[in-house]
Amino acid sequence: MAALATNHKNNETELYVIHPLDDVQEQKRSSEGLGLIELSPTVRWSLRVLRVYLIAMTGVLLYRVGEVAQLFGHHAR
């Protein structure tokens, strides 16, 4: 959101907030020719850990859905 500030004689500032849908559109920047982002080893490691975590949680979710749908037979409880 954009904001316009105006100052008054007694040093009070009024802010006018403009909603993004009512704002004037800007020219979008092109991402052509930027290439790959260089990642530090720490960032690369944390992204790989996040990927493994998301794959594992997806597996747990699919297993639970299969269990609720009784796709794996009866389990002793």
N, C-alpha and C. Protein backbone atom coordinates (compact mmCIF):
# COMPACT_ATOMS: atom_id res chain seq x y z
N MET A 1 0.84 -1.17 0.00
CA MET A 1 0.00 0.00 0.00
C MET A 1 0.88 1.24 0.00
N ALA A 2 0.48 2.21 -0.73
CA ALA A 2 1.20 3.46 -0.78
C ALA A 2 0.61 4.42 0.24
N ALA A 3 1.43 5.31 0.73
CA ALA A 3 0.95 6.30 1.69
C ALA A 3 1.50 7.67 1.30
N LEU A 4 0.68 8.67 1.40
CA LEU A 4 1.09 10.04 1.15
C LEU A 4 1.10 10.77 2.49
N ALA A 5 2.13 11.56 2.73
CA ALA A 5 2.23 12.29 3.98
C ALA A 5 2.15 13.79 3.69
N THR A 6 1.39 14.50 4.50
CA THR A 6 1.33 15.95 4.39
C THR A 6 1.59 16.54 5.77
N ASN A 7 2.33 17.63 5.80
CA ASN A 7 2.63 18.30 7.06
C ASN A 7 1.75 19.53 7.20
N HIS A 8 1.31 19.79 8.41
CA HIS A 8 0.49 20.97 8.71
C HIS A 8 1.33 21.99 9.47
N LYS A 9 0.75 23.12 9.73
CA LYS A 9 1.45 24.21 10.41
C LYS A 9 1.92 23.83 11.81
N ASN A 10 1.17 23.01 12.51
CA ASN A 10 1.52 22.66 13.89
C ASN A 10 2.29 21.33 13.96
N ASN A 11 3.01 20.99 12.90
CA ASN A 11 3.89 19.80 12.83
C ASN A 11 3.16 18.48 13.01
N GLU A 12 1.89 18.43 12.68
CA GLU A 12 1.17 17.16 12.68
C GLU A 12 1.22 16.59 11.26
N THR A 13 1.37 15.30 11.17
CA THR A 13 1.45 14.65 9.87
C THR A 13 0.20 13.82 9.65
N GLU A 14 -0.42 13.99 8.49
CA GLU A 14 -1.55 13.17 8.11
C GLU A 14 -1.08 12.17 7.07
N LEU A 15 -1.50 10.93 7.21
CA LEU A 15 -1.16 9.90 6.25
C LEU A 15 -2.40 9.49 5.49
N TYR A 16 -2.30 9.47 4.18
CA TYR A 16 -3.37 9.00 3.32
C TYR A 16 -2.94 7.67 2.74
N VAL A 17 -3.66 6.61 3.06
CA VAL A 17 -3.31 5.28 2.58
C VAL A 17 -4.09 5.00 1.31
N ILE A 18 -3.37 4.54 0.29
CA ILE A 18 -3.98 4.22 -1.00
C ILE A 18 -3.97 2.71 -1.17
N HIS A 19 -5.12 2.13 -1.38
CA HIS A 19 -5.22 0.68 -1.58
C HIS A 19 -4.55 0.31 -2.90
N PRO A 20 -3.86 -0.84 -2.97
CA PRO A 20 -3.16 -1.23 -4.20
C PRO A 20 -4.07 -1.31 -5.43
N LEU A 21 -5.34 -1.66 -5.25
CA LEU A 21 -6.23 -1.73 -6.40
C LEU A 21 -6.60 -0.34 -6.92
N ASP A 22 -6.48 0.67 -6.07
CA ASP A 22 -6.80 2.03 -6.48
C ASP A 22 -5.57 2.81 -6.92
N ASP A 23 -4.39 2.24 -6.75
CA ASP A 23 -3.14 2.93 -7.06
C ASP A 23 -2.86 2.86 -8.56
N VAL A 24 -2.03 3.75 -9.04
CA VAL A 24 -1.61 3.76 -10.44
C VAL A 24 -0.66 2.59 -10.65
N GLN A 25 -0.87 1.83 -11.73
CA GLN A 25 -0.02 0.67 -11.98
C GLN A 25 1.37 1.11 -12.42
N GLU A 26 2.37 0.31 -11.99
CA GLU A 26 3.75 0.59 -12.35
C GLU A 26 4.21 -0.35 -13.45
N GLN A 27 5.25 0.05 -14.14
CA GLN A 27 5.86 -0.83 -15.14
C GLN A 27 6.57 -1.96 -14.40
N LYS A 28 6.28 -3.19 -14.79
CA LYS A 28 6.89 -4.35 -14.14
C LYS A 28 8.30 -4.53 -14.67
N ARG A 29 9.19 -4.98 -13.78
CA ARG A 29 10.57 -5.22 -14.17
C ARG A 29 10.69 -6.60 -14.79
N SER A 30 11.55 -6.73 -15.76
CA SER A 30 11.77 -8.00 -16.43
C SER A 30 12.85 -8.79 -15.69
N SER A 31 12.64 -10.10 -15.59
CA SER A 31 13.63 -10.95 -14.93
C SER A 31 14.53 -11.66 -15.93
N GLU A 32 14.43 -11.29 -17.20
CA GLU A 32 15.26 -11.91 -18.23
C GLU A 32 16.72 -11.50 -18.03
N GLY A 33 17.61 -12.46 -18.19
CA GLY A 33 19.03 -12.18 -18.11
C GLY A 33 19.58 -12.05 -16.71
N LEU A 34 18.79 -12.35 -15.69
CA LEU A 34 19.30 -12.24 -14.32
C LEU A 34 20.17 -13.43 -13.93
N GLY A 35 19.89 -14.60 -14.49
CA GLY A 35 20.69 -15.77 -14.15
C GLY A 35 20.27 -16.39 -12.84
N LEU A 36 21.12 -17.29 -12.35
CA LEU A 36 20.83 -17.99 -11.11
C LEU A 36 21.25 -17.15 -9.90
N ILE A 37 20.56 -17.36 -8.81
CA ILE A 37 20.91 -16.69 -7.56
C ILE A 37 22.01 -17.49 -6.88
N GLU A 38 23.06 -16.81 -6.43
CA GLU A 38 24.12 -17.50 -5.71
C GLU A 38 23.66 -17.71 -4.27
N LEU A 39 23.75 -18.97 -3.82
CA LEU A 39 23.33 -19.31 -2.47
C LEU A 39 24.54 -19.67 -1.64
N SER A 40 24.54 -19.22 -0.40
CA SER A 40 25.61 -19.62 0.51
C SER A 40 25.39 -21.08 0.89
N PRO A 41 26.43 -21.76 1.35
CA PRO A 41 26.26 -23.17 1.75
C PRO A 41 25.20 -23.35 2.84
N THR A 42 25.08 -22.41 3.75
CA THR A 42 24.08 -22.51 4.81
C THR A 42 22.67 -22.44 4.24
N VAL A 43 22.45 -21.53 3.32
CA VAL A 43 21.13 -21.39 2.70
C VAL A 43 20.80 -22.63 1.88
N ARG A 44 21.78 -23.13 1.12
CA ARG A 44 21.57 -24.32 0.31
C ARG A 44 21.22 -25.51 1.20
N TRP A 45 21.93 -25.65 2.33
CA TRP A 45 21.67 -26.75 3.27
C TRP A 45 20.28 -26.63 3.87
N SER A 46 19.90 -25.42 4.29
CA SER A 46 18.58 -25.25 4.91
C SER A 46 17.46 -25.50 3.91
N LEU A 47 17.65 -25.14 2.64
CA LEU A 47 16.63 -25.42 1.63
C LEU A 47 16.50 -26.92 1.37
N ARG A 48 17.62 -27.64 1.42
CA ARG A 48 17.55 -29.09 1.25
C ARG A 48 16.85 -29.74 2.44
N VAL A 49 17.14 -29.27 3.64
CA VAL A 49 16.45 -29.79 4.83
C VAL A 49 14.96 -29.52 4.73
N LEU A 50 14.59 -28.33 4.29
CA LEU A 50 13.17 -27.99 4.12
C LEU A 50 12.52 -28.90 3.08
N ARG A 51 13.22 -29.19 1.99
CA ARG A 51 12.68 -30.08 0.96
C ARG A 51 12.44 -31.47 1.52
N VAL A 52 13.41 -32.00 2.28
CA VAL A 52 13.26 -33.33 2.88
C VAL A 52 12.09 -33.33 3.86
N TYR A 53 11.97 -32.28 4.66
CA TYR A 53 10.88 -32.18 5.63
C TYR A 53 9.53 -32.18 4.92
N LEU A 54 9.41 -31.39 3.85
CA LEU A 54 8.13 -31.33 3.13
C LEU A 54 7.79 -32.65 2.47
N ILE A 55 8.79 -33.35 1.94
CA ILE A 55 8.54 -34.67 1.36
C ILE A 55 8.09 -35.64 2.44
N ALA A 56 8.75 -35.60 3.60
CA ALA A 56 8.37 -36.49 4.70
C ALA A 56 6.95 -36.20 5.19
N MET A 57 6.60 -34.93 5.35
CA MET A 57 5.26 -34.58 5.82
C MET A 57 4.20 -34.95 4.78
N THR A 58 4.53 -34.85 3.50
CA THR A 58 3.60 -35.29 2.46
C THR A 58 3.39 -36.79 2.56
N GLY A 59 4.47 -37.54 2.83
CA GLY A 59 4.35 -38.99 3.02
C GLY A 59 3.48 -39.33 4.22
N VAL A 60 3.67 -38.60 5.32
CA VAL A 60 2.85 -38.83 6.52
C VAL A 60 1.39 -38.53 6.21
N LEU A 61 1.14 -37.44 5.50
CA LEU A 61 -0.23 -37.08 5.15
C LEU A 61 -0.88 -38.15 4.27
N LEU A 62 -0.15 -38.61 3.26
CA LEU A 62 -0.70 -39.65 2.39
C LEU A 62 -0.95 -40.94 3.16
N TYR A 63 -0.06 -41.28 4.09
CA TYR A 63 -0.26 -42.48 4.90
C TYR A 63 -1.51 -42.35 5.76
N ARG A 64 -1.67 -41.16 6.40
CA ARG A 64 -2.85 -40.95 7.26
C ARG A 64 -4.14 -40.98 6.45
N VAL A 65 -4.13 -40.40 5.26
CA VAL A 65 -5.32 -40.44 4.41
C VAL A 65 -5.63 -41.87 4.03
N GLY A 66 -4.60 -42.63 3.68
CA GLY A 66 -4.80 -44.05 3.36
C GLY A 66 -5.29 -44.84 4.55
N GLU A 67 -4.81 -44.49 5.74
CA GLU A 67 -5.24 -45.18 6.95
C GLU A 67 -6.71 -44.87 7.25
N VAL A 68 -7.10 -43.61 7.12
CA VAL A 68 -8.49 -43.22 7.36
C VAL A 68 -9.41 -43.87 6.32
N ALA A 69 -8.92 -43.98 5.09
CA ALA A 69 -9.71 -44.60 4.03
C ALA A 69 -9.67 -46.13 4.10
N GLN A 70 -8.96 -46.64 5.07
CA GLN A 70 -8.82 -48.08 5.31
C GLN A 70 -8.26 -48.81 4.09
N LEU A 71 -7.22 -48.24 3.51
CA LEU A 71 -6.57 -48.85 2.36
C LEU A 71 -5.54 -49.91 2.76
N PHE A 72 -5.13 -49.90 4.02
CA PHE A 72 -4.06 -50.78 4.47
C PHE A 72 -4.55 -51.97 5.27
N GLY A 73 -5.83 -52.22 5.31
CA GLY A 73 -6.37 -53.33 6.09
C GLY A 73 -6.58 -52.91 7.54
N HIS A 74 -6.92 -53.89 8.38
CA HIS A 74 -7.20 -53.61 9.78
C HIS A 74 -5.92 -53.70 10.59
N HIS A 75 -5.74 -52.74 11.46
CA HIS A 75 -4.59 -52.73 12.36
C HIS A 75 -5.07 -53.01 13.77
N ALA A 76 -4.25 -53.72 14.51
CA ALA A 76 -4.58 -53.97 15.92
C ALA A 76 -4.32 -52.69 16.70
N ARG A 77 -5.27 -52.33 17.53
CA ARG A 77 -5.12 -51.12 18.34
C ARG A 77 -5.17 -51.45 19.79
